[in-house]
Amino acid sequence: MRAGTIAIAGRPNVGKSTLLNRILGEKIAIVSPRPQTTRTRILGVWNGPGVQAAFFDTPGIHRAEGALNRRMVEVALSTLREVDAVLLLVEAGTGPEGRVEVGEATRFAIEQVARSGARAVLGINKMDRAPRQSLLPVIAAYKDLHAWAEIVPVSARTGENVDKLLAALAAHLPEAEAPLFPPDVLTDQAERQLAAEYIREQVMLLTRQEIPYAAAVEIEGFDESEREEGPHGLLRIDALLVVEREGQKGIVIGKKGELLKKIGTAARQGMERLFGCKVFLSLRVKVDERWSERPEALGRYLP
């Protein structure tokens, strides 16, 4: 069999988390339209006939400013150096008159993949949003920018060509005598961490401007004493939504607490689908001044 590790890399907001969720058939990585939603690397294990691939969804690669963004990028770059293969995602599509412009941010990501020395497959994502005739110019624009092992157009949103992408990646994994993980392992994320991410996802979706990037979530309590499978089990979660300024706290809470309730309700519903039981979620808001600039706070709030 073949078994190995694959980093899903690319600039922010190219669909890395959406692709991981599509491959696994489970939502273990949160998704939003905002760039830099993923803050750490997320393991997802996929098993196919004679192959096991351990995928790492990584934060978007970009020229980072600020302690939080620098930490995110370092997580992505360190992952590139540790894996057997890299899947670099870019977006399908052409500009005026069919021209393909490879932006500086994408070139920077390609440069980092080249520096890692890992075998790399190029995935051209969002093919469902581009006319088929535009794919050939996109492939032509990228094929000479790196010694790609293969180039595969794909749609993370619809699942089109994901099977071909998996086959291409599997062919470049090392031979192995046994899988890296037991067959029932899907991710290394603890349920507490997944709960925190589900809350943060709703902040990303329901707030604007600087709020999504100033928010972190800490799980203070995770009581499973009444938990059982099915509709009668209950999981009690106490969570702290952390922001950086008093003004942000008021925005997140909203008029008469309406926005905080909306965030909590949507997060709870997602957790119930994921955990397979009822969830009681207690959600409070706390101000921790400039937490995203302080190393000790980053270590506390980032998984």
Protein backbone atom coordinates (compact mmCIF):
# COMPACT_ATOMS: atom_id res chain seq x y z
CA MET A 1 0.00 0.00 0.00
CA ARG A 2 0.92 3.67 -0.05
CA ALA A 3 0.67 5.96 2.96
CA GLY A 4 1.95 9.43 3.60
CA THR A 5 1.34 13.06 4.47
CA ILE A 6 0.12 15.85 2.19
CA ALA A 7 -0.01 19.59 2.91
CA ILE A 8 -2.86 21.52 1.30
CA ALA A 9 -1.29 24.92 0.69
CA GLY A 10 -2.02 28.13 -1.16
CA ARG A 11 -2.70 31.80 -0.66
CA PRO A 12 -5.64 32.75 1.58
CA ASN A 13 -9.20 31.97 0.47
CA VAL A 14 -8.52 29.56 -2.41
CA GLY A 15 -10.71 26.80 -0.95
CA LYS A 16 -8.27 24.66 1.03
CA SER A 17 -10.64 23.95 3.93
CA THR A 18 -13.58 23.35 1.60
CA LEU A 19 -11.51 20.79 -0.28
CA LEU A 20 -10.45 18.97 2.89
CA ASN A 21 -14.06 18.73 4.04
CA ARG A 22 -15.07 17.45 0.59
CA ILE A 23 -12.37 14.77 0.61
CA LEU A 24 -13.31 13.54 4.08
CA GLY A 25 -17.07 13.84 3.71
CA GLU A 26 -17.14 15.53 7.13
CA LYS A 27 -16.81 19.14 8.22
CA ILE A 28 -13.70 19.26 10.38
CA ALA A 29 -12.36 22.58 9.05
CA ILE A 30 -14.42 25.74 9.38
CA VAL A 31 -15.17 27.71 6.23
CA SER A 32 -16.06 31.34 5.57
CA PRO A 33 -15.78 33.74 2.62
CA ARG A 34 -13.14 35.70 4.53
CA PRO A 35 -9.42 35.11 3.96
CA GLN A 36 -7.32 33.73 6.80
CA THR A 37 -10.18 31.79 8.37
CA THR A 38 -7.83 28.86 9.10
CA ARG A 39 -5.37 29.76 11.85
CA THR A 40 -3.58 26.46 12.43
CA ARG A 41 -2.96 23.24 10.58
CA ILE A 42 -5.76 20.69 10.66
CA LEU A 43 -5.24 16.97 10.12
CA GLY A 44 -7.75 14.96 8.12
CA VAL A 45 -7.17 11.28 7.30
CA TRP A 46 -8.50 9.81 4.06
CA ASN A 47 -8.52 6.09 3.31
CA GLY A 48 -8.84 4.69 -0.20
CA PRO A 49 -8.17 1.31 -1.80
CA GLY A 50 -4.58 0.51 -0.89
CA VAL A 51 -3.79 4.06 0.21
CA GLN A 52 -4.01 6.30 3.26
CA ALA A 53 -3.37 10.04 2.95
CA ALA A 54 -3.00 12.26 5.99
CA PHE A 55 -3.91 15.75 4.76
CA PHE A 56 -2.89 18.92 6.57
CA ASP A 57 -5.07 21.95 5.87
CA THR A 58 -2.83 24.96 6.45
CA PRO A 59 -3.29 28.72 6.91
CA GLY A 60 -3.00 30.81 3.77
CA ILE A 61 0.54 31.66 2.70
CA HIS A 62 1.05 35.41 2.42
CA ARG A 63 3.53 38.13 3.35
CA ALA A 64 2.47 38.49 6.94
CA GLU A 65 2.32 41.54 9.16
CA GLY A 66 1.53 41.30 12.86
CA ALA A 67 2.26 38.55 15.36
CA LEU A 68 -0.88 36.51 14.64
CA ASN A 69 -0.41 36.45 10.87
CA ARG A 70 3.31 35.70 11.17
CA ARG A 71 2.52 32.74 13.40
CA MET A 72 -0.09 31.47 10.95
CA VAL A 73 2.28 31.65 8.00
CA GLU A 74 5.05 29.93 9.93
CA VAL A 75 2.66 27.07 10.69
CA ALA A 76 2.01 26.71 6.96
CA LEU A 77 5.67 26.92 5.95
CA SER A 78 6.85 24.48 8.63
CA THR A 79 4.21 22.00 7.45
CA LEU A 80 5.57 22.16 3.89
CA ARG A 81 8.94 21.01 5.19
CA GLU A 82 7.48 18.01 7.05
CA VAL A 83 5.26 16.27 4.49
CA ASP A 84 5.74 13.75 1.70
CA ALA A 85 3.88 15.83 -0.88
CA VAL A 86 2.26 19.24 -1.30
CA LEU A 87 -1.03 20.07 -2.97
CA LEU A 88 -0.88 23.72 -3.97
CA LEU A 89 -4.30 25.17 -4.73
CA VAL A 90 -4.83 28.08 -7.10
CA GLU A 91 -8.02 29.40 -8.68
CA ALA A 92 -9.28 28.76 -12.18
CA GLY A 93 -10.28 31.72 -14.27
CA THR A 94 -8.92 34.21 -16.79
CA GLY A 95 -8.88 37.97 -17.02
CA PRO A 96 -9.73 40.26 -19.90
CA GLU A 97 -9.24 38.77 -23.39
CA GLY A 98 -8.53 35.38 -21.86
CA ARG A 99 -5.28 36.44 -20.21
CA VAL A 100 -4.15 34.65 -17.05
CA GLU A 101 -2.43 36.83 -14.49
CA VAL A 102 -0.55 34.99 -11.76
CA GLY A 103 -0.58 37.41 -8.86
CA GLU A 104 2.29 38.24 -6.53
CA ALA A 105 0.65 36.40 -3.63
CA THR A 106 0.35 33.20 -5.67
CA ARG A 107 3.93 33.50 -6.92
CA PHE A 108 5.06 33.89 -3.32
CA ALA A 109 3.20 30.69 -2.37
CA ILE A 110 4.78 28.81 -5.31
CA GLU A 111 8.20 30.06 -4.24
CA GLN A 112 7.66 28.68 -0.73
CA VAL A 113 6.57 25.31 -2.12
CA ALA A 114 9.71 25.20 -4.27
CA ARG A 115 11.89 26.00 -1.26
CA SER A 116 10.38 23.12 0.70
CA GLY A 117 11.74 20.59 -1.79
CA ALA A 118 8.58 18.48 -1.53
CA ARG A 119 6.98 16.88 -4.56
CA ALA A 120 4.09 19.14 -5.53
CA VAL A 121 0.79 18.65 -7.34
CA LEU A 122 -1.01 21.75 -8.60
CA GLY A 123 -4.76 21.79 -8.02
CA ILE A 124 -6.66 24.37 -10.07
CA ASN A 125 -9.71 24.92 -7.88
CA LYS A 126 -13.12 26.46 -8.62
CA MET A 127 -13.32 24.92 -12.08
CA ASP A 128 -17.11 24.98 -11.67
CA ARG A 129 -17.00 28.78 -11.87
CA ALA A 130 -14.88 28.99 -15.00
CA PRO A 131 -15.72 28.14 -18.63
CA ARG A 132 -14.07 24.88 -19.67
CA GLN A 133 -12.19 26.60 -22.47
CA SER A 134 -10.48 28.85 -19.92
CA LEU A 135 -8.79 25.94 -18.14
CA LEU A 136 -6.16 25.36 -20.83
CA PRO A 137 -4.79 28.93 -20.62
CA VAL A 138 -4.69 28.63 -16.81
CA ILE A 139 -2.77 25.35 -17.01
CA ALA A 140 -0.39 26.88 -19.56
CA ALA A 141 0.24 29.90 -17.31
CA TYR A 142 1.18 27.74 -14.33
CA LYS A 143 2.91 24.72 -15.84
CA ASP A 144 6.35 26.34 -16.19
CA LEU A 145 6.35 28.14 -12.83
CA HIS A 146 7.37 24.96 -11.00
CA ALA A 147 8.22 21.33 -11.77
CA TRP A 148 4.74 20.08 -10.90
CA ALA A 149 4.34 16.34 -10.50
CA GLU A 150 0.82 16.72 -11.97
CA ILE A 151 -1.75 19.44 -12.66
CA VAL A 152 -5.40 18.66 -11.92
CA PRO A 153 -8.41 21.00 -12.30
CA VAL A 154 -10.90 20.43 -9.48
CA SER A 155 -13.97 21.85 -7.77
CA ALA A 156 -13.92 21.63 -4.00
CA ARG A 157 -17.45 23.02 -3.91
CA THR A 158 -19.10 20.44 -6.18
CA GLY A 159 -16.62 17.57 -5.87
CA GLU A 160 -15.89 17.46 -9.60
CA ASN A 161 -12.53 15.78 -10.35
CA VAL A 162 -11.77 15.21 -6.64
CA ASP A 163 -11.41 11.49 -7.38
CA LYS A 164 -8.83 12.26 -10.08
CA LEU A 165 -6.99 14.59 -7.71
CA LEU A 166 -6.86 11.91 -5.01
CA ALA A 167 -5.54 9.36 -7.49
CA ALA A 168 -2.83 11.79 -8.60
CA LEU A 169 -1.77 12.51 -5.03
CA ALA A 170 -1.84 8.84 -4.00
CA ALA A 171 0.58 7.97 -6.81
CA HIS A 172 3.20 10.24 -5.24
CA LEU A 173 2.99 8.90 -1.68
CA PRO A 174 5.67 6.48 -0.47
CA GLU A 175 5.09 2.76 -0.26
CA ALA A 176 4.31 1.57 3.27
CA GLU A 177 3.84 -1.68 5.13
CA ALA A 178 0.98 -0.30 7.21
CA PRO A 179 -1.23 2.81 7.44
CA LEU A 180 -0.06 5.78 9.49
CA PHE A 181 -3.33 5.89 11.46
CA PRO A 182 -6.01 3.35 12.44
CA PRO A 183 -8.86 3.23 9.91
CA ASP A 184 -11.35 4.92 12.28
CA VAL A 185 -9.21 8.05 12.83
CA LEU A 186 -10.59 11.08 10.98
CA THR A 187 -8.72 13.97 12.63
CA ASP A 188 -6.45 14.78 15.54
CA GLN A 189 -8.60 17.71 16.64
CA ALA A 190 -10.10 17.27 20.09
CA GLU A 191 -13.84 17.89 20.39
CA ARG A 192 -13.12 20.94 22.58
CA GLN A 193 -11.09 22.41 19.74
CA LEU A 194 -13.79 21.62 17.19
CA ALA A 195 -16.37 23.32 19.42
CA ALA A 196 -14.22 26.45 19.65
CA GLU A 197 -13.77 26.52 15.88
CA TYR A 198 -17.51 26.16 15.25
CA ILE A 199 -18.12 29.24 17.40
CA ARG A 200 -15.37 31.22 15.68
CA GLU A 201 -16.81 30.25 12.30
CA GLN A 202 -20.08 31.96 13.17
CA VAL A 203 -18.18 35.08 14.24
CA MET A 204 -16.47 35.05 10.84
CA LEU A 205 -19.82 34.67 9.08
CA LEU A 206 -21.97 37.06 11.12
CA THR A 207 -19.69 40.01 11.88
CA ARG A 208 -17.81 42.48 9.71
CA GLN A 209 -14.72 44.67 9.44
CA GLU A 210 -12.10 43.93 12.09
CA ILE A 211 -14.25 41.79 14.39
CA PRO A 212 -13.61 38.38 12.76
CA TYR A 213 -9.84 38.86 12.99
CA ALA A 214 -9.93 40.20 16.56
CA ALA A 215 -11.90 37.21 17.89
CA ALA A 216 -10.70 34.04 19.55
CA VAL A 217 -12.57 31.33 21.45
CA GLU A 218 -11.57 29.53 24.63
CA ILE A 219 -13.51 26.51 25.92
CA GLU A 220 -13.72 26.77 29.70
CA GLY A 221 -15.98 23.79 30.37
CA PHE A 222 -16.76 20.57 28.48
CA ASP A 223 -19.09 18.42 30.58
CA GLU A 224 -19.85 14.98 29.15
CA SER A 225 -21.46 13.52 32.29
CA GLU A 226 -24.91 13.45 30.63
CA ARG A 227 -23.68 12.53 27.18
CA GLU A 228 -24.91 9.54 25.25
CA GLU A 229 -25.52 8.84 21.58
CA GLY A 230 -28.85 9.94 20.17
CA PRO A 231 -31.42 12.63 20.91
CA HIS A 232 -31.44 12.17 24.69
CA GLY A 233 -27.73 12.75 25.33
CA LEU A 234 -26.54 16.18 26.46
CA LEU A 235 -23.15 17.85 26.19
CA ARG A 236 -22.64 21.03 28.23
CA ILE A 237 -20.10 23.53 26.88
CA ASP A 238 -18.97 26.78 28.50
CA ALA A 239 -17.17 29.02 26.02
CA LEU A 240 -15.48 32.39 26.16
CA LEU A 241 -15.48 34.60 23.07
CA VAL A 242 -12.44 36.87 23.32
CA VAL A 243 -12.09 40.23 21.55
CA GLU A 244 -9.47 42.96 21.78
CA ARG A 245 -11.44 46.11 22.63
CA GLU A 246 -14.51 47.14 24.60
CA GLY A 247 -16.13 48.52 21.44
CA GLN A 248 -15.78 45.12 19.80
CA LYS A 249 -17.42 43.46 22.78
CA GLY A 250 -20.52 45.60 22.36
CA ILE A 251 -20.70 44.82 18.64
CA VAL A 252 -20.40 41.06 19.18
CA ILE A 253 -23.09 41.07 21.86
CA GLY A 254 -25.39 43.23 19.76
CA LYS A 255 -28.59 45.03 20.73
CA LYS A 256 -30.19 43.21 23.66
CA GLY A 257 -27.72 40.36 23.12
CA GLU A 258 -29.27 39.44 19.77
CA LEU A 259 -26.06 38.92 17.79
CA LEU A 260 -24.38 36.84 20.49
CA LYS A 261 -27.50 34.67 20.67
CA LYS A 262 -27.44 34.24 16.91
CA ILE A 263 -23.78 33.22 16.99
CA GLY A 264 -24.40 30.76 19.81
CA THR A 265 -27.49 29.21 18.22
CA ALA A 266 -25.83 28.60 14.86
CA ALA A 267 -22.68 27.20 16.50
CA ARG A 268 -24.72 24.92 18.76
CA GLN A 269 -26.71 23.52 15.84
CA GLY A 270 -23.50 22.72 14.00
CA MET A 271 -22.04 21.01 17.08
CA GLU A 272 -25.16 18.89 17.51
CA ARG A 273 -24.81 17.59 13.96
CA LEU A 274 -21.11 16.91 14.49
CA PHE A 275 -21.29 15.35 17.96
CA GLY A 276 -24.55 13.46 17.50
CA CYS A 277 -26.21 14.69 20.70
CA LYS A 278 -27.89 17.74 22.20
CA VAL A 279 -25.58 20.59 23.16
CA PHE A 280 -26.14 23.22 25.85
CA LEU A 281 -23.83 26.12 25.00
CA SER A 282 -23.10 28.92 27.43
CA LEU A 283 -21.30 31.72 25.60
CA ARG A 284 -19.75 34.80 27.25
CA VAL A 285 -17.66 37.66 25.85
CA LYS A 286 -14.40 38.91 27.33
CA VAL A 287 -11.97 41.67 26.37
CA ASP A 288 -8.27 40.77 26.31
CA GLU A 289 -6.46 43.87 25.06
CA ARG A 290 -4.34 43.29 21.94
CA TRP A 291 -4.24 39.53 22.47
CA SER A 292 -3.26 38.95 18.82
CA GLU A 293 0.01 40.84 19.37
CA ARG A 294 1.13 39.01 22.52
CA PRO A 295 2.98 35.66 22.25
CA GLU A 296 1.59 34.29 25.52
CA ALA A 297 -1.96 35.08 24.44
CA LEU A 298 -1.40 33.47 21.04
CA GLY A 299 -0.25 30.32 22.82
CA ARG A 300 -3.40 30.36 24.91
CA TYR A 301 -6.02 31.05 22.27
CA LEU A 302 -4.62 29.28 19.23
CA PRO A 303 -4.83 25.46 19.12
